[in-house]
């Protein structure tokens, strides 16, 4: 089973990296770019586990290591 995890800064938290990228894009002539938010994308190979166990394990991974839940949100997909 494969898990895809997306981690993003919460909407109410200032995304300094996103602001820097937005400024750089504007300075390069890409004025149409509005707000930029930076995040993380992870692919995890989980081996032979059933879907319920995979959900439990991936949620625990996100809560303990992959996301700082104070300032980040996460979501995941299983395939």
C-alpha atoms as a PDB file:
ATOM      1  CA  UNK A   1       0.000   0.000   0.000  1.00  0.00           C
ATOM      2  CA  UNK A   2       1.166   3.534  -0.733  1.00  0.00           C
ATOM      3  CA  UNK A   3       0.377   6.651   1.288  1.00  0.00           C
ATOM      4  CA  UNK A   4       0.672  10.167  -0.087  1.00  0.00           C
ATOM      5  CA  UNK A   5       0.941  12.841   2.615  1.00  0.00           C
ATOM      6  CA  UNK A   6       0.494  16.586   2.089  1.00  0.00           C
ATOM      7  CA  UNK A   7       1.627  18.960   4.846  1.00  0.00           C
ATOM      8  CA  UNK A   8       0.819  22.684   4.643  1.00  0.00           C
ATOM      9  CA  UNK A   9       1.149  25.704   6.901  1.00  0.00           C
ATOM     10  CA  UNK A  10      -2.174  26.535   8.589  1.00  0.00           C
ATOM     11  CA  UNK A  11      -4.052  29.422   6.989  1.00  0.00           C
ATOM     12  CA  UNK A  12      -3.723  31.666  10.052  1.00  0.00           C
ATOM     13  CA  UNK A  13       0.087  31.197  10.246  1.00  0.00           C
ATOM     14  CA  UNK A  14       2.387  33.546   8.337  1.00  0.00           C
ATOM     15  CA  UNK A  15       4.158  31.625   5.568  1.00  0.00           C
ATOM     16  CA  UNK A  16       7.506  33.439   5.336  1.00  0.00           C
ATOM     17  CA  UNK A  17       8.826  31.092   2.642  1.00  0.00           C
ATOM     18  CA  UNK A  18       5.704  31.568   0.565  1.00  0.00           C
ATOM     19  CA  UNK A  19       6.006  35.343   0.857  1.00  0.00           C
ATOM     20  CA  UNK A  20       9.655  35.168  -0.259  1.00  0.00           C
ATOM     21  CA  UNK A  21       8.787  33.013  -3.273  1.00  0.00           C
ATOM     22  CA  UNK A  22       5.923  35.337  -4.207  1.00  0.00           C
ATOM     23  CA  UNK A  23       8.304  38.331  -4.090  1.00  0.00           C
ATOM     24  CA  UNK A  24      10.891  36.506  -6.195  1.00  0.00           C
ATOM     25  CA  UNK A  25       8.293  35.552  -8.793  1.00  0.00           C
ATOM     26  CA  UNK A  26       7.045  39.144  -8.974  1.00  0.00           C
ATOM     27  CA  UNK A  27      10.599  40.415  -9.437  1.00  0.00           C
ATOM     28  CA  UNK A  28      11.004  37.928 -12.318  1.00  0.00           C
ATOM     29  CA  UNK A  29       7.965  39.362 -14.095  1.00  0.00           C
ATOM     30  CA  UNK A  30       5.305  36.908 -12.903  1.00  0.00           C
ATOM     31  CA  UNK A  31       3.017  39.607 -11.518  1.00  0.00           C
ATOM     32  CA  UNK A  32      -0.090  37.422 -11.905  1.00  0.00           C
ATOM     33  CA  UNK A  33       0.983  35.236  -8.959  1.00  0.00           C
ATOM     34  CA  UNK A  34      -1.080  35.945  -5.870  1.00  0.00           C
ATOM     35  CA  UNK A  35      -0.552  34.376  -2.494  1.00  0.00           C
ATOM     36  CA  UNK A  36       2.011  31.539  -2.340  1.00  0.00           C
ATOM     37  CA  UNK A  37       1.919  28.826   0.329  1.00  0.00           C
ATOM     38  CA  UNK A  38       4.791  26.355   0.745  1.00  0.00           C
ATOM     39  CA  UNK A  39       4.261  22.785   1.907  1.00  0.00           C
ATOM     40  CA  UNK A  40       5.669  19.259   1.909  1.00  0.00           C
ATOM     41  CA  UNK A  41       4.761  16.255  -0.213  1.00  0.00           C
ATOM     42  CA  UNK A  42       5.704  12.752   0.944  1.00  0.00           C
ATOM     43  CA  UNK A  43       5.210   9.286  -0.555  1.00  0.00           C
ATOM     44  CA  UNK A  44       5.369   6.339   1.847  1.00  0.00           C
ATOM     45  CA  UNK A  45       5.448   2.660   0.880  1.00  0.00           C
ATOM     46  CA  UNK A  46       3.655   0.797   3.661  1.00  0.00           C
ATOM     47  CA  UNK A  47       3.979  -2.813   2.572  1.00  0.00           C
ATOM     48  CA  UNK A  48       1.195  -5.326   3.172  1.00  0.00           C
ATOM     49  CA  UNK A  49      -1.165  -3.701   5.661  1.00  0.00           C
ATOM     50  CA  UNK A  50      -4.920  -3.402   5.448  1.00  0.00           C
ATOM     51  CA  UNK A  51      -6.524  -0.005   4.900  1.00  0.00           C
ATOM     52  CA  UNK A  52      -7.682   0.505   8.500  1.00  0.00           C
ATOM     53  CA  UNK A  53      -4.221  -0.260   9.879  1.00  0.00           C
ATOM     54  CA  UNK A  54      -2.594   1.954   7.238  1.00  0.00           C
ATOM     55  CA  UNK A  55      -4.829   4.880   8.210  1.00  0.00           C
ATOM     56  CA  UNK A  56      -4.003   4.430  11.887  1.00  0.00           C
ATOM     57  CA  UNK A  57      -0.265   4.193  11.220  1.00  0.00           C
ATOM     58  CA  UNK A  58      -0.100   7.135   8.782  1.00  0.00           C
ATOM     59  CA  UNK A  59      -2.074   9.358  11.141  1.00  0.00           C
ATOM     60  CA  UNK A  60       0.340   8.459  13.964  1.00  0.00           C
ATOM     61  CA  UNK A  61       3.333   9.213  11.708  1.00  0.00           C
ATOM     62  CA  UNK A  62       1.907  12.618  10.833  1.00  0.00           C
ATOM     63  CA  UNK A  63       1.061  13.490  14.429  1.00  0.00           C
ATOM     64  CA  UNK A  64       4.439  12.365  15.817  1.00  0.00           C
ATOM     65  CA  UNK A  65       6.927  13.402  13.120  1.00  0.00           C
ATOM     66  CA  UNK A  66       5.798  14.440   9.658  1.00  0.00           C
ATOM     67  CA  UNK A  67       3.731  17.506  10.635  1.00  0.00           C
ATOM     68  CA  UNK A  68       4.089  20.097  13.355  1.00  0.00           C
ATOM     69  CA  UNK A  69       0.394  20.153  14.221  1.00  0.00           C
ATOM     70  CA  UNK A  70       0.715  23.461  16.077  1.00  0.00           C
ATOM     71  CA  UNK A  71       1.389  25.339  12.832  1.00  0.00           C
ATOM     72  CA  UNK A  72       0.741  22.771  10.076  1.00  0.00           C
ATOM     73  CA  UNK A  73      -2.218  20.876   8.692  1.00  0.00           C
ATOM     74  CA  UNK A  74      -1.905  17.529   6.953  1.00  0.00           C
ATOM     75  CA  UNK A  75      -3.972  15.213   4.825  1.00  0.00           C
ATOM     76  CA  UNK A  76      -3.206  11.863   3.270  1.00  0.00           C
ATOM     77  CA  UNK A  77      -4.412   9.493   0.573  1.00  0.00           C
ATOM     78  CA  UNK A  78      -4.018   5.738   0.501  1.00  0.00           C
ATOM     79  CA  UNK A  79      -3.691   3.728  -2.706  1.00  0.00           C
END
